Amino acid sequence: MKTVEIKADQFFEILKLRDVSMWEIFVQMMDGEEKEIIFLTEDDKILFNYILPSTKEKLEEDRKEFSKQFSEKLSHLN
């Protein structure tokens, strides 16, 4: 499995500037092989990681699950 390291601040800033979602970028990164994406701070500390699946179908499942969990966490803040 390949490993891809991404500086989180820069990545999310680029997403805002280009007005795209991280899921759109993930689709572009897909090549039929799973990849571990490691999001790092500016001083190279691991924030979180994500295993990019090998299929678009699995990616869509992940996106739905992420959206569900994110919504639940937001609702607990209110």
C-alpha atoms as a PDB file:
ATOM      1  CA  MET A   1       0.000   0.000   0.000  1.00  0.00           C
ATOM      2  CA  LYS A   2       1.319   3.415  -0.940  1.00  0.00           C
ATOM      3  CA  THR A   3       1.474   6.204   1.626  1.00  0.00           C
ATOM      4  CA  VAL A   4       0.664   9.808   0.749  1.00  0.00           C
ATOM      5  CA  GLU A   5       1.506  12.561   3.225  1.00  0.00           C
ATOM      6  CA  ILE A   6      -0.476  15.790   3.010  1.00  0.00           C
ATOM      7  CA  LYS A   7      -0.047  19.017   4.973  1.00  0.00           C
ATOM      8  CA  ALA A   8      -3.609  19.484   6.238  1.00  0.00           C
ATOM      9  CA  ASP A   9      -3.654  23.297   6.381  1.00  0.00           C
ATOM     10  CA  GLN A  10      -2.391  23.654   2.825  1.00  0.00           C
ATOM     11  CA  PHE A  11      -4.699  20.931   1.518  1.00  0.00           C
ATOM     12  CA  PHE A  12      -7.854  22.458   2.977  1.00  0.00           C
ATOM     13  CA  GLU A  13      -6.828  25.946   1.869  1.00  0.00           C
ATOM     14  CA  ILE A  14      -6.439  24.686  -1.712  1.00  0.00           C
ATOM     15  CA  LEU A  15      -9.873  23.057  -1.500  1.00  0.00           C
ATOM     16  CA  LYS A  16     -11.399  26.391  -0.479  1.00  0.00           C
ATOM     17  CA  LEU A  17      -9.584  28.287  -3.225  1.00  0.00           C
ATOM     18  CA  ARG A  18     -10.619  25.796  -5.909  1.00  0.00           C
ATOM     19  CA  ASP A  19     -14.106  25.348  -4.457  1.00  0.00           C
ATOM     20  CA  VAL A  20     -13.875  21.544  -4.531  1.00  0.00           C
ATOM     21  CA  SER A  21     -14.480  18.884  -1.920  1.00  0.00           C
ATOM     22  CA  MET A  22     -11.837  16.555  -0.573  1.00  0.00           C
ATOM     23  CA  TRP A  23     -13.883  13.695  -2.037  1.00  0.00           C
ATOM     24  CA  GLU A  24     -13.406  15.099  -5.544  1.00  0.00           C
ATOM     25  CA  ILE A  25      -9.650  15.169  -4.950  1.00  0.00           C
ATOM     26  CA  PHE A  26      -9.739  11.633  -3.565  1.00  0.00           C
ATOM     27  CA  VAL A  27     -11.454  10.405  -6.757  1.00  0.00           C
ATOM     28  CA  GLN A  28      -8.645  11.962  -8.799  1.00  0.00           C
ATOM     29  CA  MET A  29      -6.069  10.152  -6.644  1.00  0.00           C
ATOM     30  CA  MET A  30      -7.626   6.729  -7.239  1.00  0.00           C
ATOM     31  CA  ASP A  31      -5.751   4.294  -9.457  1.00  0.00           C
ATOM     32  CA  GLY A  32      -7.185   0.931  -8.395  1.00  0.00           C
ATOM     33  CA  GLU A  33      -4.807   0.561  -5.442  1.00  0.00           C
ATOM     34  CA  GLU A  34      -5.517   1.421  -1.812  1.00  0.00           C
ATOM     35  CA  LYS A  35      -3.462   4.293  -0.397  1.00  0.00           C
ATOM     36  CA  GLU A  36      -2.943   5.502   3.139  1.00  0.00           C
ATOM     37  CA  ILE A  37      -3.379   9.262   3.231  1.00  0.00           C
ATOM     38  CA  ILE A  38      -1.727  10.819   6.264  1.00  0.00           C
ATOM     39  CA  PHE A  39      -2.727  14.376   7.135  1.00  0.00           C
ATOM     40  CA  LEU A  40       0.036  16.275   8.919  1.00  0.00           C
ATOM     41  CA  THR A  41       0.394  19.520  10.829  1.00  0.00           C
ATOM     42  CA  GLU A  42       2.917  22.097   9.678  1.00  0.00           C
ATOM     43  CA  ASP A  43       5.449  20.549  12.067  1.00  0.00           C
ATOM     44  CA  ASP A  44       4.821  17.045  10.668  1.00  0.00           C
ATOM     45  CA  LYS A  45       2.681  15.667  13.498  1.00  0.00           C
ATOM     46  CA  ILE A  46      -0.026  13.263  12.408  1.00  0.00           C
ATOM     47  CA  LEU A  47      -3.535  14.712  12.673  1.00  0.00           C
ATOM     48  CA  PHE A  48      -5.387  11.747  11.195  1.00  0.00           C
ATOM     49  CA  ASN A  49      -5.165   9.222   8.412  1.00  0.00           C
ATOM     50  CA  TYR A  50      -7.541   7.792   5.860  1.00  0.00           C
ATOM     51  CA  ILE A  51      -7.287   4.653   3.771  1.00  0.00           C
ATOM     52  CA  LEU A  52      -8.268   5.660   0.240  1.00  0.00           C
ATOM     53  CA  PRO A  53     -10.115   2.659  -1.176  1.00  0.00           C
ATOM     54  CA  SER A  54      -9.458   1.122  -4.557  1.00  0.00           C
ATOM     55  CA  THR A  55     -13.025   1.600  -5.859  1.00  0.00           C
ATOM     56  CA  LYS A  56     -15.336   4.568  -6.296  1.00  0.00           C
ATOM     57  CA  GLU A  57     -18.174   2.573  -4.748  1.00  0.00           C
ATOM     58  CA  LYS A  58     -16.268   2.137  -1.476  1.00  0.00           C
ATOM     59  CA  LEU A  59     -15.254   5.804  -1.553  1.00  0.00           C
ATOM     60  CA  GLU A  60     -18.927   6.765  -1.855  1.00  0.00           C
ATOM     61  CA  GLU A  61     -19.747   4.548   1.148  1.00  0.00           C
ATOM     62  CA  ASP A  62     -16.973   6.271   3.126  1.00  0.00           C
ATOM     63  CA  ARG A  63     -18.259   9.702   2.106  1.00  0.00           C
ATOM     64  CA  LYS A  64     -21.781   8.863   3.290  1.00  0.00           C
ATOM     65  CA  GLU A  65     -20.499   7.491   6.598  1.00  0.00           C
ATOM     66  CA  PHE A  66     -18.278  10.541   7.123  1.00  0.00           C
ATOM     67  CA  SER A  67     -21.201  12.885   6.405  1.00  0.00           C
ATOM     68  CA  LYS A  68     -23.412  10.987   8.838  1.00  0.00           C
ATOM     69  CA  GLN A  69     -20.823  11.068  11.634  1.00  0.00           C
ATOM     70  CA  PHE A  70     -20.024  14.728  10.982  1.00  0.00           C
ATOM     71  CA  SER A  71     -23.723  15.658  11.160  1.00  0.00           C
ATOM     72  CA  GLU A  72     -24.125  13.740  14.412  1.00  0.00           C
ATOM     73  CA  LYS A  73     -21.153  15.519  15.970  1.00  0.00           C
ATOM     74  CA  LEU A  74     -22.492  18.895  14.882  1.00  0.00           C
ATOM     75  CA  SER A  75     -25.918  18.136  16.339  1.00  0.00           C
ATOM     76  CA  HIS A  76     -24.319  17.386  19.719  1.00  0.00           C
ATOM     77  CA  LEU A  77     -22.761  20.844  19.733  1.00  0.00           C
ATOM     78  CA  ASN A  78     -26.190  22.521  19.630  1.00  0.00           C
END
